[in-house]
PDB file of N, CA and C in Angstrom:
ATOM      1  N   MET A   1      98.681 121.177 103.375  1.00  0.00           N
ATOM      2  CA  MET A   1      97.969 119.950 103.532  1.00  0.00           C
ATOM      3  C   MET A   1      98.755 119.162 104.332  1.00  0.00           C
ATOM      4  N   SER A   2      98.211 118.468 105.635  1.00  0.00           N
ATOM      5  CA  SER A   2      99.082 117.749 106.669  1.00  0.00           C
ATOM      6  C   SER A   2      99.413 116.578 106.078  1.00  0.00           C
ATOM      7  N   LYS A   3     100.642 115.963 106.638  1.00  0.00           N
ATOM      8  CA  LYS A   3     100.896 114.607 106.491  1.00  0.00           C
ATOM      9  C   LYS A   3     100.371 113.875 107.768  1.00  0.00           C
ATOM     10  N   LEU A   4     100.267 112.399 107.479  1.00  0.00           N
ATOM     11  CA  LEU A   4      99.965 111.465 108.533  1.00  0.00           C
ATOM     12  C   LEU A   4     100.494 111.738 110.072  1.00  0.00           C
ATOM     13  N   TYR A   5     101.737 112.005 110.018  1.00  0.00           N
ATOM     14  CA  TYR A   5     102.856 112.412 111.065  1.00  0.00           C
ATOM     15  C   TYR A   5     102.246 113.476 111.823  1.00  0.00           C
ATOM     16  N   ASP A   6     101.495 114.644 111.031  1.00  0.00           N
ATOM     17  CA  ASP A   6     100.964 115.847 112.130  1.00  0.00           C
ATOM     18  C   ASP A   6      99.879 115.453 112.739  1.00  0.00           C
ATOM     19  N   LEU A   7      99.085 114.276 112.150  1.00  0.00           N
ATOM     20  CA  LEU A   7      97.785 113.807 112.807  1.00  0.00           C
ATOM     21  C   LEU A   7      97.875 112.562 113.837  1.00  0.00           C
ATOM     22  N   VAL A   8      99.105 112.208 114.111  1.00  0.00           N
ATOM     23  CA  VAL A   8      99.197 111.096 115.077  1.00  0.00           C
ATOM     24  C   VAL A   8     100.058 111.124 116.306  1.00  0.00           C
ATOM     25  N   GLU A   9     100.194 110.388 117.211  1.00  0.00           N
ATOM     26  CA  GLU A   9     101.175 110.367 117.967  1.00  0.00           C
ATOM     27  C   GLU A   9     101.933 108.976 118.120  1.00  0.00           C
ATOM     28  N   LEU A  10     103.119 108.762 118.369  1.00  0.00           N
ATOM     29  CA  LEU A  10     103.436 107.534 118.760  1.00  0.00           C
ATOM     30  C   LEU A  10     103.095 106.873 120.149  1.00  0.00           C
ATOM     31  N   LEU A  11     102.178 105.890 120.148  1.00  0.00           N
ATOM     32  CA  LEU A  11     101.808 105.457 121.535  1.00  0.00           C
ATOM     33  C   LEU A  11     102.599 104.341 122.069  1.00  0.00           C
ATOM     34  N   GLU A  12     103.354 103.176 121.001  1.00  0.00           N
ATOM     35  CA  GLU A  12     104.133 102.355 121.319  1.00  0.00           C
ATOM     36  C   GLU A  12     105.051 101.769 120.186  1.00  0.00           C
ATOM     37  N   ASN A  13     106.195 101.550 120.604  1.00  0.00           N
ATOM     38  CA  ASN A  13     107.199 101.213 119.617  1.00  0.00           C
ATOM     39  C   ASN A  13     107.873  99.917 120.280  1.00  0.00           C
ATOM     40  N   ASN A  14     107.565  98.611 120.074  1.00  0.00           N
ATOM     41  CA  ASN A  14     108.404  97.346 120.718  1.00  0.00           C
ATOM     42  C   ASN A  14     108.851  96.615 119.814  1.00  0.00           C
ATOM     43  N   ASP A  15     109.224  95.491 120.065  1.00  0.00           N
ATOM     44  CA  ASP A  15     109.911  94.531 119.136  1.00  0.00           C
ATOM     45  C   ASP A  15     108.953  94.156 118.200  1.00  0.00           C
ATOM     46  N   GLU A  16     107.524  93.723 118.549  1.00  0.00           N
ATOM     47  CA  GLU A  16     106.627  93.235 117.738  1.00  0.00           C
ATOM     48  C   GLU A  16     105.822  94.250 116.822  1.00  0.00           C
ATOM     49  N   CYS A  17     105.549  95.646 117.224  1.00  0.00           N
ATOM     50  CA  CYS A  17     104.823  96.354 116.549  1.00  0.00           C
ATOM     51  C   CYS A  17     104.908  97.865 116.838  1.00  0.00           C
ATOM     52  N   VAL A  18     104.301  98.807 116.052  1.00  0.00           N
ATOM     53  CA  VAL A  18     104.315 100.003 116.262  1.00  0.00           C
ATOM     54  C   VAL A  18     102.798 100.484 116.168  1.00  0.00           C
ATOM     55  N   ILE A  19     102.303 101.172 117.213  1.00  0.00           N
ATOM     56  CA  ILE A  19     101.079 101.855 117.453  1.00  0.00           C
ATOM     57  C   ILE A  19     101.155 103.329 117.448  1.00  0.00           C
ATOM     58  N   LEU A  20     100.220 103.684 116.388  1.00  0.00           N
ATOM     59  CA  LEU A  20     100.072 105.185 116.341  1.00  0.00           C
ATOM     60  C   LEU A  20      98.577 105.534 116.786  1.00  0.00           C
ATOM     61  N   LYS A  21      98.438 106.746 117.503  1.00  0.00           N
ATOM     62  CA  LYS A  21      97.092 106.961 117.994  1.00  0.00           C
ATOM     63  C   LYS A  21      96.726 108.333 117.335  1.00  0.00           C
ATOM     64  N   VAL A  22      95.645 108.474 116.711  1.00  0.00           N
ATOM     65  CA  VAL A  22      95.420 109.388 116.167  1.00  0.00           C
ATOM     66  C   VAL A  22      94.930 110.951 117.285  1.00  0.00           C
ATOM     67  N   LYS A  23      95.586 111.983 116.908  1.00  0.00           N
ATOM     68  CA  LYS A  23      95.301 112.982 117.805  1.00  0.00           C
ATOM     69  C   LYS A  23      93.844 113.366 117.883  1.00  0.00           C
ATOM     70  N   ASP A  24      93.201 114.215 118.915  1.00  0.00           N
ATOM     71  CA  ASP A  24      91.975 114.467 119.109  1.00  0.00           C
ATOM     72  C   ASP A  24      91.698 115.478 117.871  1.00  0.00           C
ATOM     73  N   ASN A  25      90.307 115.445 117.482  1.00  0.00           N
ATOM     74  CA  ASN A  25      89.786 116.262 116.464  1.00  0.00           C
ATOM     75  C   ASN A  25      90.473 116.583 115.502  1.00  0.00           C
ATOM     76  N   MET A  26      91.266 115.492 114.559  1.00  0.00           N
ATOM     77  CA  MET A  26      91.899 115.196 113.506  1.00  0.00           C
ATOM     78  C   MET A  26      90.746 114.697 112.458  1.00  0.00           C
ATOM     79  N   GLN A  27      89.762 114.634 112.494  1.00  0.00           N
ATOM     80  CA  GLN A  27      88.931 113.551 111.573  1.00  0.00           C
ATOM     81  C   GLN A  27      88.711 114.380 110.069  1.00  0.00           C
ATOM     82  N   MET A  28      88.660 115.459 110.125  1.00  0.00           N
ATOM     83  CA  MET A  28      88.658 116.348 108.900  1.00  0.00           C
ATOM     84  C   MET A  28      89.854 116.168 107.996  1.00  0.00           C
ATOM     85  N   GLN A  29      91.159 116.199 108.896  1.00  0.00           N
ATOM     86  CA  GLN A  29      92.137 116.273 108.427  1.00  0.00           C
ATOM     87  C   GLN A  29      92.747 114.733 107.695  1.00  0.00           C
ATOM     88  N   LEU A  30      92.343 113.723 108.163  1.00  0.00           N
ATOM     89  CA  LEU A  30      92.708 112.367 108.117  1.00  0.00           C
ATOM     90  C   LEU A  30      91.539 112.244 106.817  1.00  0.00           C
ATOM     91  N   ILE A  31      90.415 112.646 106.489  1.00  0.00           N
ATOM     92  CA  ILE A  31      89.606 112.359 105.480  1.00  0.00           C
ATOM     93  C   ILE A  31      90.334 113.342 104.132  1.00  0.00           C
ATOM     94  N   CYS A  32      91.284 114.384 104.560  1.00  0.00           N
ATOM     95  CA  CYS A  32      91.758 115.282 103.454  1.00  0.00           C
ATOM     96  C   CYS A  32      92.908 114.219 102.863  1.00  0.00           C
ATOM     97  N   LEU A  33      93.596 113.080 103.482  1.00  0.00           N
ATOM     98  CA  LEU A  33      94.556 112.681 103.083  1.00  0.00           C
ATOM     99  C   LEU A  33      94.115 111.700 101.986  1.00  0.00           C
ATOM    100  N   GLY A  34      93.044 111.425 101.652  1.00  0.00           N
ATOM    101  CA  GLY A  34      92.341 110.789 100.394  1.00  0.00           C
ATOM    102  C   GLY A  34      91.958 109.459 100.747  1.00  0.00           C
ATOM    103  N   CYS A  35      92.433 108.681 101.831  1.00  0.00           N
ATOM    104  CA  CYS A  35      91.974 107.198 101.762  1.00  0.00           C
ATOM    105  C   CYS A  35      91.328 106.726 103.066  1.00  0.00           C
ATOM    106  N   PHE A  36      91.442 107.722 104.229  1.00  0.00           N
ATOM    107  CA  PHE A  36      90.630 107.499 105.548  1.00  0.00           C
ATOM    108  C   PHE A  36      89.178 108.011 105.460  1.00  0.00           C
ATOM    109  N   ASN A  37      88.421 107.248 106.538  1.00  0.00           N
ATOM    110  CA  ASN A  37      87.175 107.721 106.595  1.00  0.00           C
ATOM    111  C   ASN A  37      87.125 108.754 107.796  1.00  0.00           C
ATOM    112  N   GLY A  38      88.046 108.990 108.345  1.00  0.00           N
ATOM    113  CA  GLY A  38      87.752 110.089 109.656  1.00  0.00           C
ATOM    114  C   GLY A  38      87.197 109.562 110.776  1.00  0.00           C
ATOM    115  N   ASN A  39      87.059 108.364 110.944  1.00  0.00           N
ATOM    116  CA  ASN A  39      86.623 107.623 112.122  1.00  0.00           C
ATOM    117  C   ASN A  39      87.886 106.836 112.850  1.00  0.00           C
ATOM    118  N   GLU A  40      88.907 106.710 112.242  1.00  0.00           N
ATOM    119  CA  GLU A  40      89.989 106.098 112.849  1.00  0.00           C
ATOM    120  C   GLU A  40      90.545 106.568 113.998  1.00  0.00           C
ATOM    121  N   THR A  41      90.772 105.457 115.012  1.00  0.00           N
ATOM    122  CA  THR A  41      91.539 106.333 116.379  1.00  0.00           C
ATOM    123  C   THR A  41      93.011 105.554 116.492  1.00  0.00           C
ATOM    124  N   MET A  42      93.333 104.275 115.929  1.00  0.00           N
ATOM    125  CA  MET A  42      94.798 103.994 116.088  1.00  0.00           C
ATOM    126  C   MET A  42      95.089 103.067 115.029  1.00  0.00           C
ATOM    127  N   PHE A  43      96.454 103.003 114.572  1.00  0.00           N
ATOM    128  CA  PHE A  43      96.834 102.335 113.525  1.00  0.00           C
ATOM    129  C   PHE A  43      97.979 101.505 114.197  1.00  0.00           C
ATOM    130  N   ARG A  44      97.991 100.259 113.867  1.00  0.00           N
ATOM    131  CA  ARG A  44      99.127  99.331 114.428  1.00  0.00           C
ATOM    132  C   ARG A  44      99.616  98.460 113.140  1.00  0.00           C
ATOM    133  N   LEU A  45     101.224  98.594 113.043  1.00  0.00           N
ATOM    134  CA  LEU A  45     101.801  97.642 112.146  1.00  0.00           C
ATOM    135  C   LEU A  45     102.807  97.054 112.871  1.00  0.00           C
ATOM    136  N   THR A  46     102.806  95.490 112.433  1.00  0.00           N
ATOM    137  CA  THR A  46     103.905  94.574 112.945  1.00  0.00           C
ATOM    138  C   THR A  46     105.059  94.669 112.286  1.00  0.00           C
ATOM    139  N   LYS A  47     105.997  94.172 112.852  1.00  0.00           N
ATOM    140  CA  LYS A  47     107.517  94.320 112.554  1.00  0.00           C
ATOM    141  C   LYS A  47     107.909  92.729 112.045  1.00  0.00           C
ATOM    142  N   GLY A  48     108.885  92.932 111.196  1.00  0.00           N
ATOM    143  CA  GLY A  48     109.365  91.346 110.903  1.00  0.00           C
ATOM    144  C   GLY A  48     109.255  91.353 109.416  1.00  0.00           C
ATOM    145  N   ASP A  49     109.298  90.000 108.835  1.00  0.00           N
ATOM    146  CA  ASP A  49     109.519  89.373 107.410  1.00  0.00           C
ATOM    147  C   ASP A  49     108.036  89.786 106.919  1.00  0.00           C
ATOM    148  N   ASN A  50     107.124  89.631 107.796  1.00  0.00           N
ATOM    149  CA  ASN A  50     105.458  89.932 107.217  1.00  0.00           C
ATOM    150  C   ASN A  50     104.906  91.031 107.843  1.00  0.00           C
ATOM    151  N   HIS A  51     104.232  91.684 107.429  1.00  0.00           N
ATOM    152  CA  HIS A  51     103.548  93.094 108.150  1.00  0.00           C
ATOM    153  C   HIS A  51     102.070  92.889 108.166  1.00  0.00           C
ATOM    154  N   THR A  52     101.345  93.030 109.434  1.00  0.00           N
ATOM    155  CA  THR A  52      99.983  93.121 109.526  1.00  0.00           C
ATOM    156  C   THR A  52      99.674  94.737 109.884  1.00  0.00           C
ATOM    157  N   CYS A  53      98.931  95.219 109.149  1.00  0.00           N
ATOM    158  CA  CYS A  53      98.465  96.467 109.323  1.00  0.00           C
ATOM    159  C   CYS A  53      96.884  96.473 110.029  1.00  0.00           C
ATOM    160  N   THR A  54      96.635  97.166 110.980  1.00  0.00           N
ATOM    161  CA  THR A  54      95.287  97.130 111.497  1.00  0.00           C
ATOM    162  C   THR A  54      94.915  98.507 111.750  1.00  0.00           C
ATOM    163  N   ILE A  55      93.566  98.906 111.491  1.00  0.00           N
ATOM    164  CA  ILE A  55      93.117 100.204 111.359  1.00  0.00           C
ATOM    165  C   ILE A  55      92.003 100.143 112.420  1.00  0.00           C
ATOM    166  N   PHE A  56      92.255 100.682 113.516  1.00  0.00           N
ATOM    167  CA  PHE A  56      90.979 100.797 114.656  1.00  0.00           C
ATOM    168  C   PHE A  56      90.378 102.086 114.365  1.00  0.00           C
ATOM    169  N   SER A  57      88.861 101.773 114.464  1.00  0.00           N
ATOM    170  CA  SER A  57      87.796 102.959 114.340  1.00  0.00           C
ATOM    171  C   SER A  57      87.116 103.163 115.610  1.00  0.00           C
ATOM    172  N   ASN A  58      86.460 104.382 115.732  1.00  0.00           N
ATOM    173  CA  ASN A  58      85.728 104.712 116.990  1.00  0.00           C
ATOM    174  C   ASN A  58      84.389 104.006 117.182  1.00  0.00           C
ATOM    175  N   THR A  59      84.363 103.157 116.123  1.00  0.00           N
ATOM    176  CA  THR A  59      83.023 102.455 115.969  1.00  0.00           C
ATOM    177  C   THR A  59      83.264 101.221 116.941  1.00  0.00           C
ATOM    178  N   GLY A  60      84.290 100.886 117.220  1.00  0.00           N
ATOM    179  CA  GLY A  60      84.807  99.618 117.728  1.00  0.00           C
ATOM    180  C   GLY A  60      85.429  98.411 116.869  1.00  0.00           C
ATOM    181  N   LYS A  61      85.219  98.603 115.543  1.00  0.00           N
ATOM    182  CA  LYS A  61      85.838  97.801 114.694  1.00  0.00           C
ATOM    183  C   LYS A  61      87.257  97.870 114.009  1.00  0.00           C
ATOM    184  N   SER A  62      87.622  96.964 113.885  1.00  0.00           N
ATOM    185  CA  SER A  62      89.095  97.259 113.136  1.00  0.00           C
ATOM    186  C   SER A  62      89.194  96.588 111.665  1.00  0.00           C
ATOM    187  N   PHE A  63      90.249  96.775 111.103  1.00  0.00           N
ATOM    188  CA  PHE A  63      90.180  96.084 109.587  1.00  0.00           C
ATOM    189  C   PHE A  63      91.686  95.836 109.671  1.00  0.00           C
ATOM    190  N   SER A  64      92.193  94.792 109.154  1.00  0.00           N
ATOM    191  CA  SER A  64      93.643  94.351 109.180  1.00  0.00           C
ATOM    192  C   SER A  64      93.741  93.456 107.342  1.00  0.00           C
ATOM    193  N   TRP A  65      94.925  93.786 107.052  1.00  0.00           N
ATOM    194  CA  TRP A  65      95.564  93.130 106.266  1.00  0.00           C
ATOM    195  C   TRP A  65      97.264  92.726 106.358  1.00  0.00           C
ATOM    196  N   GLN A  66      97.428  92.007 105.412  1.00  0.00           N
ATOM    197  CA  GLN A  66      98.990  91.890 105.623  1.00  0.00           C
ATOM    198  C   GLN A  66      99.752  91.598 104.316  1.00  0.00           C
ATOM    199  N   TRP A  67     101.018  91.889 104.394  1.00  0.00           N
ATOM    200  CA  TRP A  67     101.994  91.710 103.054  1.00  0.00           C
ATOM    201  C   TRP A  67     103.497  91.110 103.803  1.00  0.00           C
ATOM    202  N   GLY A  68     103.961  90.903 102.824  1.00  0.00           N
ATOM    203  CA  GLY A  68     105.344  90.770 103.166  1.00  0.00           C
ATOM    204  C   GLY A  68     106.178  89.204 102.370  1.00  0.00           C
ATOM    205  N   ILE A  69     107.150  88.854 102.873  1.00  0.00           N
ATOM    206  CA  ILE A  69     107.668  87.818 102.423  1.00  0.00           C
ATOM    207  C   ILE A  69     106.916  86.745 102.027  1.00  0.00           C
ATOM    208  N   SER A  70     105.753  86.370 102.720  1.00  0.00           N
ATOM    209  CA  SER A  70     105.064  85.249 102.291  1.00  0.00           C
ATOM    210  C   SER A  70     103.741  85.693 101.342  1.00  0.00           C
ATOM    211  N   GLY A  71     103.881  86.798 101.029  1.00  0.00           N
ATOM    212  CA  GLY A  71     103.027  87.147 100.044  1.00  0.00           C
ATOM    213  C   GLY A  71     102.147  88.238 100.136  1.00  0.00           C
ATOM    214  N   HIS A  72     101.180  88.472  99.313  1.00  0.00           N
ATOM    215  CA  HIS A  72     100.573  89.729  99.407  1.00  0.00           C
ATOM    216  C   HIS A  72      98.930  89.716  99.277  1.00  0.00           C
ATOM    217  N   ILE A  73      98.239  90.331  99.960  1.00  0.00           N
ATOM    218  CA  ILE A  73      96.499  90.025  99.886  1.00  0.00           C
ATOM    219  C   ILE A  73      96.248  91.413  98.679  1.00  0.00           C
ATOM    220  N   LEU A  74      95.288  90.871  97.892  1.00  0.00           N
ATOM    221  CA  LEU A  74      94.843  91.719  97.016  1.00  0.00           C
ATOM    222  C   LEU A  74      93.980  92.993  97.787  1.00  0.00           C
ATOM    223  N   VAL A  75      94.058  94.280  97.771  1.00  0.00           N
ATOM    224  CA  VAL A  75      93.483  95.266  98.377  1.00  0.00           C
ATOM    225  C   VAL A  75      93.435  96.411  97.689  1.00  0.00           C
ATOM    226  N   THR A  76      92.244  97.092  97.685  1.00  0.00           N
ATOM    227  CA  THR A  76      91.947  98.239  96.683  1.00  0.00           C
ATOM    228  C   THR A  76      93.115  99.182  96.832  1.00  0.00           C
ATOM    229  N   ASP A  77      93.088 100.218  96.080  1.00  0.00           N
ATOM    230  CA  ASP A  77      94.068 101.186  95.973  1.00  0.00           C
ATOM    231  C   ASP A  77      94.092 102.040  97.169  1.00  0.00           C
ATOM    232  N   SER A  78      92.596 102.271  97.521  1.00  0.00           N
ATOM    233  CA  SER A  78      92.588 103.202  98.606  1.00  0.00           C
ATOM    234  C   SER A  78      93.394 102.576  99.929  1.00  0.00           C
ATOM    235  N   VAL A  79      92.987 101.224 100.258  1.00  0.00           N
ATOM    236  CA  VAL A  79      93.681 100.407 101.194  1.00  0.00           C
ATOM    237  C   VAL A  79      95.293 100.730 101.078  1.00  0.00           C
ATOM    238  N   ASN A  80      95.753 100.411  99.854  1.00  0.00           N
ATOM    239  CA  ASN A  80      96.978 100.504  99.720  1.00  0.00           C
ATOM    240  C   ASN A  80      97.719 101.754  99.962  1.00  0.00           C
ATOM    241  N   LYS A  81      96.812 102.899  99.455  1.00  0.00           N
ATOM    242  CA  LYS A  81      97.258 104.177  99.852  1.00  0.00           C
ATOM    243  C   LYS A  81      97.320 104.644 101.283  1.00  0.00           C
ATOM    244  N   CYS A  82      96.453 103.666 102.030  1.00  0.00           N
ATOM    245  CA  CYS A  82      96.473 103.809 103.507  1.00  0.00           C
ATOM    246  C   CYS A  82      97.863 103.259 104.221  1.00  0.00           C
ATOM    247  N   ARG A  83      98.122 102.108 103.499  1.00  0.00           N
ATOM    248  CA  ARG A  83      99.397 101.035 104.094  1.00  0.00           C
ATOM    249  C   ARG A  83     100.529 102.047 103.654  1.00  0.00           C
ATOM    250  N   SER A  84     100.737 102.721 102.540  1.00  0.00           N
ATOM    251  CA  SER A  84     101.664 103.402 102.435  1.00  0.00           C
ATOM    252  C   SER A  84     102.182 104.786 103.094  1.00  0.00           C
ATOM    253  N   LEU A  85     100.969 105.446 103.408  1.00  0.00           N
ATOM    254  CA  LEU A  85     100.856 106.800 104.493  1.00  0.00           C
ATOM    255  C   LEU A  85     101.384 106.221 105.891  1.00  0.00           C
ATOM    256  N   ILE A  86     100.769 105.077 106.201  1.00  0.00           N
ATOM    257  CA  ILE A  86     101.029 104.375 107.795  1.00  0.00           C
ATOM    258  C   ILE A  86     102.598 103.982 107.777  1.00  0.00           C
ATOM    259  N   GLU A  87     103.044 103.188 106.781  1.00  0.00           N
ATOM    260  CA  GLU A  87     104.330 102.705 106.769  1.00  0.00           C
ATOM    261  C   GLU A  87     105.540 103.863 106.329  1.00  0.00           C
ATOM    262  N   HIS A  88     105.074 104.878 105.802  1.00  0.00           N
ATOM    263  CA  HIS A  88     106.064 105.999 105.676  1.00  0.00           C
ATOM    264  C   HIS A  88     105.899 107.001 106.608  1.00  0.00           C
ATOM    265  N   CYS A  89     105.120 106.838 107.412  1.00  0.00           N
ATOM    266  CA  CYS A  89     104.906 107.740 108.665  1.00  0.00           C
ATOM    267  C   CYS A  89     105.730 107.089 109.756  1.00  0.00           C
ATOM    268  N   ILE A  90     105.688 105.867 109.776  1.00  0.00           N
ATOM    269  CA  ILE A  90     106.420 104.969 110.890  1.00  0.00           C
ATOM    270  C   ILE A  90     107.939 105.054 110.545  1.00  0.00           C
ATOM    271  N   THR A  91     108.297 104.635 109.107  1.00  0.00           N
ATOM    272  CA  THR A  91     109.823 104.642 108.811  1.00  0.00           C
ATOM    273  C   THR A  91     110.457 105.657 108.556  1.00  0.00           C
ATOM    274  N   ASP A  92     109.587 106.708 107.734  1.00  0.00           N
ATOM    275  CA  ASP A  92     110.539 108.017 107.240  1.00  0.00           C
ATOM    276  C   ASP A  92     110.378 108.860 108.548  1.00  0.00           C
ATOM    277  N   ASP A  93     109.234 109.237 108.818  1.00  0.00           N
ATOM    278  CA  ASP A  93     108.966 110.430 109.762  1.00  0.00           C
ATOM    279  C   ASP A  93     109.286 110.127 111.273  1.00  0.00           C
ATOM    280  N   PHE A  94     109.167 109.003 111.938  1.00  0.00           N
ATOM    281  CA  PHE A  94     109.540 108.473 112.970  1.00  0.00           C
ATOM    282  C   PHE A  94     110.744 107.952 113.319  1.00  0.00           C
ATOM    283  N   GLY A  95     111.368 107.475 112.002  1.00  0.00           N
ATOM    284  CA  GLY A  95     112.611 106.852 111.885  1.00  0.00           C
ATOM    285  C   GLY A  95     112.501 105.485 112.533  1.00  0.00           C
ATOM    286  N   ILE A  96     111.599 104.607 112.524  1.00  0.00           N
ATOM    287  CA  ILE A  96     111.672 103.460 113.169  1.00  0.00           C
ATOM    288  C   ILE A  96     111.670 102.368 111.879  1.00  0.00           C
ATOM    289  N   SER A  97     112.615 101.180 112.170  1.00  0.00           N
ATOM    290  CA  SER A  97     112.881 100.239 111.315  1.00  0.00           C
ATOM    291  C   SER A  97     111.687  98.951 111.471  1.00  0.00           C
ATOM    292  N   ILE A  98     110.810  98.552 110.803  1.00  0.00           N
ATOM    293  CA  ILE A  98     109.795  97.530 110.770  1.00  0.00           C
ATOM    294  C   ILE A  98     110.502  96.504 110.059  1.00  0.00           C
ATOM    295  N   GLU A  99     111.881  96.375 109.688  1.00  0.00           N
ATOM    296  CA  GLU A  99     112.406  95.210 109.169  1.00  0.00           C
ATOM    297  C   GLU A  99     113.237  94.141 110.090  1.00  0.00           C
ATOM    298  N   PRO A 100     113.249  93.011 110.002  1.00  0.00           N
ATOM    299  CA  PRO A 100     114.006  92.181 111.033  1.00  0.00           C
ATOM    300  C   PRO A 100     115.460  92.570 110.765  1.00  0.00           C
TER     301      PRO A 100
END
C-alpha cells in the first residue's frame, strides 16, 4: 500500500504554508488510503501556532478546517485521518517543520 508521500510532490514550502500537489493518475491510490475521495488535486497546510488545512479538488471546490493553539474544530474521523496523513507527510516524510 502506498503512503501519501508516494502520491504527491512538494509544490511550495514557504514561511506561511506547505502545498502538496497530487501526482497524475493517483486517484485510486488516494481512495485506497481510506479517507480521500480520489478527486483531490492539492493539499495546503499553514504553518504557525494555528494550522489551516485545505483540500482542493478537481471539481473546483475546496474544503478547509483548522486546529491549533486557539482551539479545534469538530471534524469527522475521516477528516481527522486526512489531517493526520497530510501533516505526517509534510513533517515526517518531507522533513518540514510547521511549528513557529
